[in-house]
Each structure stands twice: as C-alpha cells, then as structure tokens.
Amino acid sequence: MTSRERVRKAINHEPTDRVPIDLGGTACSGIHAVALKKLREALKLEDRTPKVIDPMMFISDVDEDVRQALGVDCVGIYTKGTLLGYRNENYKPWNLPDGTEVLMGGGFQCTYGDDGCTYTYPQGDTSVAPSARMTKTGFYFDNITRQEDLNKKEVWDGREDYKDQYSVFSDQDLKDIEDQVNHFYNDTEYSLIGNYWNGGIGDNLHVPGAWLKNPKGIRSIADWFMYMHIEPDYYKDAFAMITEITLKNMELYYQVAGNKLDVMVHTGTDFAHQHGLLISPDMYRELFQPYHKQVNDWIHKHTEWKTFIHCCGSVVPLVPDFIDAGFDILNPIQVSADNMDAAMLKEKFGKDIVFWGGGCDPQKTLPQGTPEEVYQETKRNAEIFSKGGGFIGGNVHNLQYGVPSENFLAEVQALKDTVPGK
C-alpha cells in the first residue's frame, strides 16, 4: 500500500498491511528541535539545524529525509502563523539554553532577565510586556499570565474580549495552504493532515493569548475553569464567535484543498489530567459539545475529511460525548493516564472512533525504559488498537527533549512490525 492508501483504510476502520505511522502530521504529534537533531544523528543523516515551527513547544519541521528513513505515512499542512504572533519565514539562528542552535522565524524577539530567564514578546514587540518565559535550564516557553482584575470587571462580553484573538484566513494563509496541499498531494504519496488549531475553544495553550499585545478577559488557567461556573454565558458568547470564524475558515480551507486532505484537526482543548477530568461531562455537553458538533457536522456534510480531536489525560468518561459530537479520531491516547487501558478502549469505543497515537507510556517507558521495553509495550498496544483497522500509530504527544533516540526508533520499529489483525 502507499502511505495515502494505508491511512485512508485505517481511518475507515479497514485492515492495512501494517500500522500507519505519524510523525509531524499534527502539532501534537511532532518532535522537539533537540530531539530531532539527535534523531538525525542516530539515523546517520547529514547535520541540519532544526527549523522551529512552534516557538512555545519548540516543535520542528520534520525533514523529508527523516520521514523517508522512518517510513512515516502522514504529513501536516500548516499556515505560517505562530503562537507568538509572528510568521514562520525569514528564519534566523538562535540558541536554546543548552546551546543547541535552532532556526526561529524572523519575527521572534527575546530579552534576557536578571533572573536567568529568557523572555519573548507578542508579535516580536519588545515595547510591550513579555508574553512567555523560559527558565535558564528550560526547553520550552511557558505562558505569562497577563490579566485584568476580574473582581473589578463590569462588563462580561465574551465576543468583545476575544474578538482580536481569532480571525478569518488571509489571502496569504490560503496560498500557503494551497501550495503545500498541491505539492504533497501531487508529488508524494503521503496522507495530508489539515491543522487548524484555532477551533480549539478553551484550549489551555490559547487562553493566555501569548500572541496578543494587550489581552482582554480571562487569561489565568485557574480562573478560566472557575468562571465556567460563574459566567457560563460569557463562554457561550465567545465560543459561538470562535465557531463562526472556524466555519468560515473550514469553507475557505476546502476551497483551496478540497478532498486532497484526509483529516482535519480543529480542536486541541484538554479536558482531563493524569487521574481524571478537568470538567464534568455535563459541563462539556453544555459549553463545548454544541460548538464541536456544528463544526463536525459542516465538515461531514461538505467534505470527505475525518475530524480529529486532541485531548490529553484520563478522558474515558468523555469519549462517548466526543463520538456524539461527531469526532472521527481521538488523539493522543495517553496510555499512561488512569483508566486508559488499550484493550478496554478498543473494546468499548473501537467501532466508533479511530485511535491516533497510543505508542507506549510517554512518561516512564519511553524516556526511561530500554529499547526492548519500549518495543514490547508499543507492539502490544499497536496489536490491540489496530485490530480491524481504526489506528494510526505514533508517539503519545510530541517527542520531548531528552527522550533517547534509540527508544523512539524502537517505538517506530514496533509499529512497522505490526500487521493489523481482523
């Protein structure tokens, strides 16, 4: 099978010749810049400076020679915008705290504090307060909360507070999408994955608004969850506006990409943690599900795309609601979280939703185990998840800084060695 054929069969719950593999198909199945540099060394590929496409998590563009060496089946389609508000163009060199040289978009700007931290700025504007911080031993930028005094807030208008945070695609955005789609569809055999993360209503990574110079409204993550109980209509107003923009962008995306795409990622909101949910199922159904369903319904009516939700943690109680909302694919399948047993998930939900990720424990086995332990755990999970189709294999979330390359290669080999059973 070609990669495109393999993925299309898997997402339609049909058996394939082997488990399809993803690395870099989405912004939550990518690879940290330092991990990519070490992986290239392990694969004996020429040295190349990693090109960072996500300046918060330091996710890097996966090079074509890496995809070929690993047998990757998916490729991600991205606009050039970033979570810091600059575009990924006019790249320039910059060094991480550990000394690793990376390439950052030309709009990236930072300063260095007396506390040893690196500070970066929305849209590269150093005249305003910094929006993210990296410690002197860090590997990522963390959001800085910039929030008005909510106790003095007189007008609760979700549309007004978040109107500057989301926008309809520009002509340049659409050209960037169209050029990538035409290249990868016509010149390669990869399955194409559309990435539209701004549909992630309530995404914890978006709430602080790191790309905004003067964010309004609720920007503290703790307050974000608390005020869902206090001002639910505020969220509904904001989510309705975001959904209107998302639907317009889905229409525009389809105009330039058509059904050359196989999958559309349109939300990455996390509703769970290691041991359970962050919100109740009832609150998900009231505040989030109606808007998710609107987008999924539009996609299913007008395109052949499968819809993809990213949600970390012990998310089991919400999976039936995700299915009811019309999601076709669930990622990342955090097998290290409570109650996220592969056999149980496949038995209860495998006929109704595709599992994407779910390699091995990303918190213990992958960073700390031996290659043999990684291989055996991944192989066991892959055999369960892929039975009868419905599984795209890959790491649980992005491959992080410090994961031994030999362990990741063992994970990939286990996926390649798995032939889905009937």
Protein backbone atom coordinates (compact mmCIF):
# COMPACT_ATOMS: atom_id res chain seq x y z
CA MET A 1 0.00 0.00 0.00
CA THR A 2 1.04 3.61 -0.46
CA SER A 3 1.04 5.79 2.62
CA ARG A 4 -2.12 7.53 1.46
CA GLU A 5 -3.93 4.25 0.87
CA ARG A 6 -2.75 2.90 4.22
CA VAL A 7 -4.01 5.89 6.21
CA ARG A 8 -7.30 6.10 4.34
CA LYS A 9 -8.07 2.48 5.05
CA ALA A 10 -7.11 2.78 8.71
CA ILE A 11 -9.30 5.84 9.33
CA ASN A 12 -12.18 3.98 7.69
CA HIS A 13 -11.72 1.05 10.09
CA GLU A 14 -10.28 -1.27 7.45
CA PRO A 15 -7.23 -3.53 7.91
CA THR A 16 -3.92 -2.43 6.42
CA ASP A 17 -0.64 -4.12 5.50
CA ARG A 18 0.98 -2.52 8.56
CA VAL A 19 0.15 0.14 11.11
CA PRO A 20 0.31 3.64 9.56
CA ILE A 21 2.84 5.91 11.27
CA ASP A 22 2.64 9.59 12.08
CA LEU A 23 5.43 11.99 12.98
CA GLY A 24 4.75 15.65 12.35
CA GLY A 25 1.32 15.21 10.83
CA THR A 26 -0.12 17.40 13.58
CA ALA A 27 1.20 19.98 16.02
CA CYS A 28 0.70 17.45 18.82
CA SER A 29 2.46 14.53 17.13
CA GLY A 30 5.65 16.32 16.27
CA ILE A 31 9.18 16.44 17.65
CA HIS A 32 11.19 18.85 19.80
CA ALA A 33 14.05 20.58 17.98
CA VAL A 34 16.75 18.95 20.13
CA ALA A 35 15.16 15.51 19.79
CA LEU A 36 15.08 15.98 16.01
CA LYS A 37 18.75 16.94 15.90
CA LYS A 38 19.70 13.82 17.91
CA LEU A 39 17.39 11.65 15.81
CA ARG A 40 19.14 12.78 12.64
CA GLU A 41 22.44 11.72 14.23
CA ALA A 42 21.02 8.32 15.18
CA LEU A 43 19.75 7.83 11.62
CA LYS A 44 23.15 8.88 10.28
CA LEU A 45 21.68 11.71 8.26
CA GLU A 46 23.60 14.88 7.47
CA ASP A 47 23.69 17.52 10.20
CA ARG A 48 20.97 20.12 9.76
CA THR A 49 19.83 22.95 12.02
CA PRO A 50 16.24 22.31 13.19
CA LYS A 51 13.65 24.78 11.89
CA VAL A 52 11.23 25.62 14.71
CA ILE A 53 7.58 25.95 13.63
CA ASP A 54 6.10 26.20 17.15
CA PRO A 55 8.12 28.60 19.35
CA MET A 56 6.32 27.65 22.58
CA MET A 57 6.83 23.87 22.47
CA PHE A 58 9.84 24.06 20.11
CA ILE A 59 8.28 21.66 17.65
CA SER A 60 10.34 21.49 14.48
CA ASP A 61 9.57 20.90 10.85
CA VAL A 62 10.15 17.20 10.13
CA ASP A 63 12.62 16.93 7.26
CA GLU A 64 11.76 14.82 4.23
CA ASP A 65 14.79 12.58 4.68
CA VAL A 66 13.65 11.83 8.24
CA ARG A 67 10.15 10.90 7.03
CA GLN A 68 11.66 8.61 4.42
CA ALA A 69 14.09 6.99 6.86
CA LEU A 70 11.32 6.23 9.37
CA GLY A 71 8.59 5.21 6.91
CA VAL A 72 6.23 7.97 8.04
CA ASP A 73 2.82 7.96 6.33
CA CYS A 74 1.42 11.41 7.20
CA VAL A 75 2.39 14.99 6.52
CA GLY A 76 0.93 18.05 8.21
CA ILE A 77 -0.44 21.09 6.39
CA TYR A 78 0.20 24.29 8.36
CA THR A 79 -0.22 28.01 7.96
CA LYS A 80 2.84 30.07 8.84
CA GLY A 81 1.33 31.77 11.89
CA THR A 82 2.68 31.02 15.38
CA LEU A 83 1.50 31.19 18.97
CA LEU A 84 3.70 34.28 19.40
CA GLY A 85 2.01 36.15 16.57
CA TYR A 86 4.85 36.21 14.02
CA ARG A 87 5.07 34.20 10.78
CA ASN A 88 7.42 31.31 10.14
CA GLU A 89 9.53 32.97 7.46
CA ASN A 90 12.88 34.75 7.15
CA TYR A 91 14.43 32.26 9.57
CA LYS A 92 17.40 33.25 11.72
CA PRO A 93 19.68 31.31 14.11
CA TRP A 94 19.11 31.28 17.86
CA ASN A 95 20.50 29.16 20.69
CA LEU A 96 18.49 27.28 23.30
CA PRO A 97 19.77 27.41 26.90
CA ASP A 98 21.57 24.09 26.40
CA GLY A 99 23.50 25.59 23.48
CA THR A 100 21.62 23.85 20.65
CA GLU A 101 21.32 26.10 17.62
CA VAL A 102 17.88 26.28 16.04
CA LEU A 103 16.26 28.43 13.38
CA MET A 104 13.48 30.77 14.51
CA GLY A 105 11.12 32.87 12.40
CA GLY A 106 12.43 36.36 11.73
CA GLY A 107 9.73 37.95 13.90
CA PHE A 108 10.93 36.16 17.04
CA GLN A 109 12.39 38.55 19.62
CA CYS A 110 13.61 37.92 23.15
CA THR A 111 15.39 39.53 26.08
CA TYR A 112 17.34 38.04 28.98
CA GLY A 113 16.37 38.83 32.57
CA ASP A 114 18.49 39.14 35.69
CA ASP A 115 16.71 36.02 36.93
CA GLY A 116 18.39 33.98 34.19
CA CYS A 117 15.13 33.59 32.26
CA THR A 118 14.59 34.30 28.58
CA TYR A 119 11.54 36.44 27.80
CA THR A 120 9.76 36.61 24.47
CA TYR A 121 7.15 39.01 23.14
CA PRO A 122 3.85 39.01 21.24
CA GLN A 123 4.42 39.75 17.55
CA GLY A 124 8.07 40.41 18.39
CA ASP A 125 7.20 43.75 20.02
CA THR A 126 9.60 44.37 22.91
CA SER A 127 7.83 47.63 23.80
CA VAL A 128 5.00 45.69 25.46
CA ALA A 129 5.07 43.21 28.33
CA PRO A 130 6.56 39.78 27.54
CA SER A 131 4.03 37.01 26.98
CA ALA A 132 6.21 33.94 27.60
CA ARG A 133 9.19 32.89 29.68
CA MET A 134 11.85 30.15 29.50
CA THR A 135 13.94 29.33 32.56
CA LYS A 136 17.71 29.13 32.27
CA THR A 137 17.52 25.34 32.29
CA GLY A 138 14.28 25.13 30.30
CA PHE A 139 13.41 23.53 26.98
CA TYR A 140 10.10 25.33 26.30
CA PHE A 141 8.45 28.74 26.69
CA ASP A 142 5.71 28.97 29.33
CA ASN A 143 2.86 31.45 29.06
CA ILE A 144 2.94 34.52 31.31
CA THR A 145 -0.50 35.40 32.66
CA ARG A 146 -1.49 38.96 31.71
CA GLN A 147 -4.98 39.56 33.03
CA GLU A 148 -7.19 42.41 34.16
CA ASP A 149 -8.60 42.45 37.71
CA LEU A 150 -11.68 40.26 37.28
CA ASN A 151 -13.11 41.47 40.58
CA LYS A 152 -13.46 44.93 39.00
CA LYS A 153 -14.78 43.69 35.69
CA GLU A 154 -18.12 45.40 34.98
CA VAL A 155 -18.99 44.07 31.51
CA TRP A 156 -18.81 40.35 30.75
CA ASP A 157 -18.83 40.18 26.95
CA GLY A 158 -17.08 37.12 25.54
CA ARG A 159 -17.31 38.28 21.95
CA GLU A 160 -15.67 41.60 22.78
CA ASP A 161 -12.91 40.16 24.95
CA TYR A 162 -11.75 37.55 22.42
CA LYS A 163 -12.54 39.27 19.12
CA ASP A 164 -8.85 40.08 18.49
CA GLN A 165 -7.69 36.53 19.20
CA TYR A 166 -9.15 34.76 16.15
CA SER A 167 -9.54 35.79 12.51
CA VAL A 168 -10.57 34.63 9.06
CA PHE A 169 -7.74 33.33 6.88
CA SER A 170 -5.83 35.95 4.93
CA ASP A 171 -5.11 35.50 1.23
CA GLN A 172 -1.53 34.67 2.19
CA ASP A 173 -2.69 31.97 4.62
CA LEU A 174 -4.79 30.37 1.89
CA LYS A 175 -1.94 30.49 -0.60
CA ASP A 176 0.37 28.85 1.95
CA ILE A 177 -2.18 26.06 2.45
CA GLU A 178 -2.84 25.60 -1.26
CA ASP A 179 0.86 25.43 -2.16
CA GLN A 180 1.56 22.77 0.47
CA VAL A 181 -1.50 20.72 -0.43
CA ASN A 182 -0.70 20.70 -4.13
CA HIS A 183 2.93 19.79 -3.55
CA PHE A 184 2.35 16.94 -1.12
CA TYR A 185 -0.67 15.57 -2.94
CA ASN A 186 0.83 15.68 -6.43
CA ASP A 187 4.49 14.97 -5.70
CA THR A 188 4.31 12.49 -2.79
CA GLU A 189 2.17 9.60 -1.58
CA TYR A 190 1.64 10.91 1.96
CA SER A 191 -1.73 11.29 3.61
CA LEU A 192 -2.41 15.01 4.15
CA ILE A 193 -3.50 16.24 7.58
CA GLY A 194 -5.02 19.72 7.91
CA ASN A 195 -4.05 21.61 11.05
CA TYR A 196 -6.49 24.28 12.26
CA TRP A 197 -5.91 24.72 15.98
CA ASN A 198 -7.81 27.98 16.40
CA GLY A 199 -11.03 26.00 16.54
CA GLY A 200 -9.91 24.67 19.91
CA ILE A 201 -12.39 26.57 22.04
CA GLY A 202 -10.95 26.86 25.53
CA ASP A 203 -7.57 25.42 24.59
CA ASN A 204 -5.31 25.95 27.63
CA LEU A 205 -2.45 26.92 25.34
CA HIS A 206 -4.59 29.66 23.80
CA VAL A 207 -6.26 31.08 26.91
CA PRO A 208 -3.28 33.29 27.95
CA GLY A 209 -3.17 34.79 24.43
CA ALA A 210 0.61 34.82 24.01
CA TRP A 211 0.30 36.38 20.55
CA LEU A 212 -1.75 39.36 21.78
CA LYS A 213 -0.14 42.59 22.89
CA ASN A 214 -2.97 43.57 25.24
CA PRO A 215 -5.13 40.51 26.03
CA LYS A 216 -8.57 41.13 27.50
CA GLY A 217 -10.82 38.90 29.57
CA ILE A 218 -9.89 35.74 31.47
CA ARG A 219 -6.27 34.73 30.93
CA SER A 220 -5.41 32.73 34.06
CA ILE A 221 -5.94 28.99 33.58
CA ALA A 222 -7.24 28.62 37.14
CA ASP A 223 -9.72 31.45 36.62
CA TRP A 224 -10.69 30.04 33.24
CA PHE A 225 -12.02 26.87 34.84
CA MET A 226 -13.55 28.62 37.85
CA TYR A 227 -15.53 31.18 35.86
CA MET A 228 -17.17 28.46 33.78
CA HIS A 229 -19.39 28.00 36.84
CA ILE A 230 -19.85 31.72 37.46
CA GLU A 231 -20.32 33.21 33.98
CA PRO A 232 -21.31 30.37 31.58
CA ASP A 233 -23.00 32.77 29.11
CA TYR A 234 -19.68 34.59 28.74
CA TYR A 235 -18.12 31.39 27.42
CA LYS A 236 -21.06 30.63 25.15
CA ASP A 237 -20.77 34.06 23.55
CA ALA A 238 -17.04 33.64 22.99
CA PHE A 239 -17.36 30.06 21.72
CA ALA A 240 -20.17 31.00 19.34
CA MET A 241 -17.97 33.70 17.82
CA ILE A 242 -14.97 31.39 17.53
CA THR A 243 -17.15 28.73 15.91
CA GLU A 244 -18.48 31.24 13.36
CA ILE A 245 -14.90 32.06 12.38
CA THR A 246 -13.96 28.38 12.33
CA LEU A 247 -16.84 27.52 9.99
CA LYS A 248 -15.83 30.31 7.63
CA ASN A 249 -12.23 29.07 7.67
CA MET A 250 -13.31 25.48 7.04
CA GLU A 251 -15.15 26.70 3.95
CA LEU A 252 -12.10 28.61 2.75
CA TYR A 253 -9.80 25.67 3.55
CA TYR A 254 -11.98 23.38 1.46
CA GLN A 255 -11.93 25.81 -1.45
CA VAL A 256 -8.14 25.58 -1.72
CA ALA A 257 -7.59 21.98 -0.54
CA GLY A 258 -10.72 20.06 -1.49
CA ASN A 259 -10.69 16.37 -0.66
CA LYS A 260 -6.95 16.10 -1.11
CA LEU A 261 -6.93 16.26 2.69
CA ASP A 262 -7.82 13.12 4.61
CA VAL A 263 -8.10 14.58 8.13
CA MET A 264 -8.87 17.95 9.70
CA VAL A 265 -7.65 18.77 13.21
CA HIS A 266 -9.78 21.57 14.58
CA THR A 267 -9.50 21.38 18.37
CA GLY A 268 -6.84 20.62 20.94
CA THR A 269 -8.63 21.52 24.16
CA ASP A 270 -7.59 19.30 27.07
CA PHE A 271 -10.48 18.25 29.30
CA ALA A 272 -8.59 15.79 31.50
CA HIS A 273 -5.48 15.32 33.61
CA GLN A 274 -3.50 12.30 34.72
CA HIS A 275 -6.16 10.98 37.08
CA GLY A 276 -9.50 12.26 35.78
CA LEU A 277 -11.47 15.10 34.21
CA LEU A 278 -10.92 18.84 34.49
CA ILE A 279 -14.62 19.49 33.89
CA SER A 280 -17.72 17.36 34.30
CA PRO A 281 -19.39 15.60 31.35
CA ASP A 282 -22.42 17.83 31.91
CA MET A 283 -20.30 20.95 31.54
CA TYR A 284 -18.69 19.58 28.39
CA ARG A 285 -22.17 18.95 26.94
CA GLU A 286 -23.37 22.43 27.84
CA LEU A 287 -20.38 24.61 26.97
CA PHE A 288 -18.35 22.75 24.35
CA GLN A 289 -20.21 19.95 22.59
CA PRO A 290 -22.74 22.11 20.69
CA TYR A 291 -19.92 24.05 19.01
CA HIS A 292 -17.84 20.96 18.30
CA LYS A 293 -20.90 19.40 16.71
CA GLN A 294 -21.52 22.42 14.49
CA VAL A 295 -18.03 22.20 13.02
CA ASN A 296 -18.07 18.42 12.66
CA ASP A 297 -21.49 18.49 11.02
CA TRP A 298 -20.32 21.07 8.49
CA ILE A 299 -17.21 19.06 7.66
CA HIS A 300 -19.13 15.80 7.25
CA LYS A 301 -21.77 17.46 5.08
CA HIS A 302 -19.41 19.30 2.74
CA THR A 303 -16.18 17.26 2.66
CA GLU A 304 -14.76 13.77 2.87
CA TRP A 305 -12.44 14.74 5.73
CA LYS A 306 -12.31 12.87 9.02
CA THR A 307 -12.47 15.10 12.10
CA PHE A 308 -9.77 14.90 14.76
CA ILE A 309 -9.83 15.96 18.43
CA HIS A 310 -6.71 16.15 20.57
CA CYS A 311 -7.36 15.70 24.29
CA CYS A 312 -4.76 14.57 26.82
CA GLY A 313 -5.23 12.72 30.09
CA SER A 314 -7.73 10.26 31.53
CA VAL A 315 -10.50 11.22 29.16
CA VAL A 316 -12.55 7.99 29.15
CA PRO A 317 -15.80 9.48 30.55
CA LEU A 318 -15.94 11.99 27.70
CA VAL A 319 -15.24 9.64 24.79
CA PRO A 320 -18.96 8.85 24.23
CA ASP A 321 -19.63 12.60 24.13
CA PHE A 322 -16.82 13.13 21.60
CA ILE A 323 -18.41 10.45 19.44
CA ASP A 324 -21.83 12.08 19.79
CA ALA A 325 -20.25 15.40 18.80
CA GLY A 326 -19.16 13.81 15.54
CA PHE A 327 -15.44 13.33 16.04
CA ASP A 328 -13.95 10.52 13.96
CA ILE A 329 -10.49 10.46 15.55
CA LEU A 330 -9.19 10.76 19.13
CA ASN A 331 -5.60 11.66 19.96
CA PRO A 332 -3.14 11.21 21.71
CA ILE A 333 -4.44 8.17 23.67
CA GLN A 334 -2.41 8.79 26.81
CA VAL A 335 -1.90 5.18 27.87
CA SER A 336 -0.03 6.34 30.98
CA ALA A 337 -3.10 8.08 32.43
CA ASP A 338 -5.58 6.37 34.75
CA ASN A 339 -8.10 4.03 33.12
CA MET A 340 -6.60 4.46 29.65
CA ASP A 341 -6.11 0.75 29.07
CA ALA A 342 -5.68 -0.12 25.40
CA ALA A 343 -7.84 -3.27 25.46
CA MET A 344 -10.69 -1.52 27.27
CA LEU A 345 -10.62 1.48 24.95
CA LYS A 346 -10.63 -0.69 21.84
CA GLU A 347 -13.44 -2.89 23.10
CA LYS A 348 -15.71 -0.03 24.21
CA PHE A 349 -15.05 2.57 21.52
CA GLY A 350 -13.05 0.98 18.72
CA LYS A 351 -16.01 0.65 16.34
CA ASP A 352 -16.95 4.30 16.67
CA ILE A 353 -13.68 6.24 16.79
CA VAL A 354 -10.15 5.97 15.39
CA PHE A 355 -7.25 5.95 17.87
CA TRP A 356 -4.26 8.10 16.87
CA GLY A 357 -1.02 7.88 18.90
CA GLY A 358 -1.02 5.43 21.80
CA GLY A 359 2.50 4.09 21.29
CA CYS A 360 3.87 3.50 24.79
CA ASP A 361 3.97 5.25 28.17
CA PRO A 362 5.49 8.69 27.34
CA GLN A 363 6.24 9.48 30.98
CA LYS A 364 8.16 6.39 32.05
CA THR A 365 8.80 3.72 29.44
CA LEU A 366 9.75 5.96 26.53
CA PRO A 367 12.14 8.33 28.35
CA GLN A 368 13.44 5.88 31.00
CA GLY A 369 12.98 2.32 29.70
CA THR A 370 15.21 0.20 27.49
CA PRO A 371 14.64 -0.02 23.73
CA GLU A 372 13.36 -3.58 24.23
CA GLU A 373 10.84 -2.43 26.83
CA VAL A 374 9.68 0.35 24.51
CA TYR A 375 9.36 -2.10 21.61
CA GLN A 376 7.36 -4.68 23.57
CA GLU A 377 4.94 -2.16 25.11
CA THR A 378 4.37 -0.39 21.80
CA LYS A 379 3.90 -3.67 19.93
CA ARG A 380 1.34 -4.85 22.48
CA ASN A 381 -0.65 -1.61 22.29
CA ALA A 382 -0.43 -1.47 18.49
CA GLU A 383 -1.75 -5.01 18.10
CA ILE A 384 -4.74 -4.15 20.29
CA PHE A 385 -5.56 -0.76 18.79
CA SER A 386 -5.08 -1.81 15.16
CA LYS A 387 -7.24 -4.94 15.16
CA GLY A 388 -9.76 -4.48 12.37
CA GLY A 389 -8.30 -1.08 11.46
CA GLY A 390 -9.01 2.22 13.19
CA PHE A 391 -5.48 3.03 14.39
CA ILE A 392 -2.74 5.45 13.33
CA GLY A 393 0.41 4.70 15.30
CA GLY A 394 2.74 7.24 16.80
CA ASN A 395 4.13 8.67 19.96
CA VAL A 396 1.77 9.83 22.72
CA HIS A 397 2.04 13.58 22.08
CA ASN A 398 5.15 15.32 20.76
CA LEU A 399 8.51 13.61 21.14
CA GLN A 400 10.06 15.55 24.00
CA TYR A 401 13.50 16.84 24.83
CA GLY A 402 15.63 14.15 26.44
CA VAL A 403 13.94 11.04 25.02
CA PRO A 404 16.72 8.67 23.82
CA SER A 405 16.68 8.36 20.04
CA GLU A 406 17.14 4.60 20.27
CA ASN A 407 13.92 4.37 22.29
CA PHE A 408 11.95 6.35 19.73
CA LEU A 409 13.38 4.21 16.94
CA ALA A 410 12.29 1.11 18.87
CA GLU A 411 8.78 2.56 19.10
CA VAL A 412 8.68 3.19 15.36
CA GLN A 413 10.02 -0.28 14.60
CA ALA A 414 7.32 -1.89 16.73
CA LEU A 415 4.67 -0.02 14.74
CA LYS A 416 6.24 -1.08 11.44
CA ASP A 417 6.32 -4.68 12.61
CA THR A 418 2.61 -4.73 13.50
CA VAL A 419 0.24 -6.16 10.92
CA PRO A 420 -3.33 -5.35 12.00
CA GLY A 421 -5.42 -8.41 12.73
CA LYS A 422 -9.01 -8.86 11.62
